[in-house]
Amino acid sequence: MGESEGRRNDFQVLRDILVAAQSGALKTNIVYKANSNFKHVKGYLQQALDSGLLREDGDRYYTTDKGCEVVARVIELELLLRCSYGSAGEVAPVG
């Protein structure tokens, strides 16, 4: 959430949804915490359920162990990219 460089990519939206559901969340809470709308989140929720990243229990969604691993990997990738790219999007020199 709160990406300062404009529109979020699919990984960032999925990360926000999975983080929102880590302790269990209603769809309304996920939409709010992911800073999105119902129409947009609906597709991500179904994809995450189909991929085993989320599980549904009644009206609540929970992030699975696999989903938590995805969150960790996405955050790791974001950190790597921040270290590799300058503020203007240029690759930082190596060495």
Protein backbone atom coordinates (compact mmCIF):
# COMPACT_ATOMS: atom_id res chain seq x y z
CA MET A 1 0.00 0.00 0.00
CA GLY A 2 0.95 3.59 -0.40
CA GLU A 3 3.27 3.08 -3.34
CA SER A 4 4.73 6.52 -4.04
CA GLU A 5 5.65 5.88 -7.64
CA GLY A 6 2.15 5.57 -9.05
CA ARG A 7 0.05 2.58 -9.95
CA ARG A 8 0.76 -0.67 -8.11
CA ASN A 9 1.59 -3.82 -10.00
CA ASP A 10 -0.19 -7.16 -9.57
CA PHE A 11 2.39 -8.42 -7.08
CA GLN A 12 1.94 -5.37 -4.87
CA VAL A 13 -1.85 -5.67 -4.90
CA LEU A 14 -1.65 -9.39 -4.15
CA ARG A 15 0.84 -8.69 -1.34
CA ASP A 16 -1.56 -6.16 0.21
CA ILE A 17 -4.46 -8.62 0.01
CA LEU A 18 -2.45 -11.46 1.55
CA VAL A 19 -1.16 -9.21 4.34
CA ALA A 20 -4.69 -8.01 5.07
CA ALA A 21 -5.92 -11.61 5.43
CA GLN A 22 -3.08 -12.95 7.59
CA SER A 23 -5.18 -12.94 10.76
CA GLY A 24 -8.44 -13.50 8.93
CA ALA A 25 -10.46 -10.76 7.29
CA LEU A 26 -13.82 -10.05 5.72
CA LYS A 27 -13.83 -9.05 2.06
CA THR A 28 -14.72 -5.48 3.11
CA ASN A 29 -11.64 -5.29 5.33
CA ILE A 30 -9.42 -6.68 2.56
CA VAL A 31 -10.74 -4.11 0.08
CA TYR A 32 -10.08 -1.33 2.58
CA LYS A 33 -6.62 -2.53 3.64
CA ALA A 34 -5.60 -3.21 0.03
CA ASN A 35 -6.72 0.31 -0.91
CA SER A 36 -8.82 -1.01 -3.78
CA ASN A 37 -12.45 -1.70 -4.72
CA PHE A 38 -14.70 -4.77 -4.65
CA LYS A 39 -14.60 -5.36 -8.40
CA HIS A 40 -10.81 -5.25 -8.52
CA VAL A 41 -10.27 -7.37 -5.40
CA LYS A 42 -12.80 -10.04 -6.45
CA GLY A 43 -10.52 -11.34 -9.23
CA TYR A 44 -7.45 -11.34 -7.01
CA LEU A 45 -9.31 -13.20 -4.25
CA GLN A 46 -10.44 -15.92 -6.65
CA GLN A 47 -6.97 -16.27 -8.12
CA ALA A 48 -5.43 -16.46 -4.63
CA LEU A 49 -7.99 -19.08 -3.56
CA ASP A 50 -7.38 -21.14 -6.71
CA SER A 51 -3.61 -20.93 -6.16
CA GLY A 52 -3.80 -21.97 -2.52
CA LEU A 53 -2.57 -18.60 -1.24
CA LEU A 54 -5.82 -17.93 0.62
CA ARG A 55 -8.45 -20.12 2.22
CA GLU A 56 -12.04 -19.19 2.88
CA ASP A 57 -13.84 -20.06 6.09
CA GLY A 58 -17.39 -18.80 6.04
CA ASP A 59 -17.22 -15.11 5.20
CA ARG A 60 -13.57 -14.72 6.24
CA TYR A 61 -10.41 -15.13 4.21
CA TYR A 62 -7.15 -16.39 5.70
CA THR A 63 -3.67 -16.32 4.21
CA THR A 64 -2.23 -19.83 3.98
CA ASP A 65 1.38 -20.80 4.71
CA LYS A 66 1.99 -20.71 0.96
CA GLY A 67 0.48 -17.20 0.84
CA CYS A 68 2.76 -16.05 3.68
CA GLU A 69 5.74 -17.38 1.73
CA VAL A 70 4.62 -15.39 -1.32
CA VAL A 71 4.37 -12.22 0.82
CA ALA A 72 7.91 -12.76 2.09
CA ARG A 73 9.24 -13.31 -1.44
CA VAL A 74 7.48 -10.26 -2.87
CA ILE A 75 8.87 -8.06 -0.07
CA GLU A 76 12.33 -9.55 -0.63
CA LEU A 77 12.09 -8.80 -4.36
CA GLU A 78 10.92 -5.23 -3.69
CA LEU A 79 13.92 -4.66 -1.41
CA LEU A 80 16.31 -6.11 -3.98
CA LEU A 81 14.89 -3.87 -6.68
CA ARG A 82 15.13 -0.77 -4.48
CA CYS A 83 18.80 -1.54 -3.90
CA SER A 84 19.45 -2.23 -7.59
CA TYR A 85 17.67 0.76 -9.11
CA GLY A 86 18.28 4.44 -8.52
CA SER A 87 15.45 6.88 -7.93
CA ALA A 88 15.28 7.66 -11.67
CA GLY A 89 14.89 3.96 -12.53
CA GLU A 90 18.52 3.53 -13.55
CA VAL A 91 20.44 0.42 -12.60
CA ALA A 92 22.92 1.16 -9.84
CA PRO A 93 26.55 0.37 -10.66
CA VAL A 94 27.79 -2.99 -9.43
CA GLY A 95 31.03 -3.22 -7.45
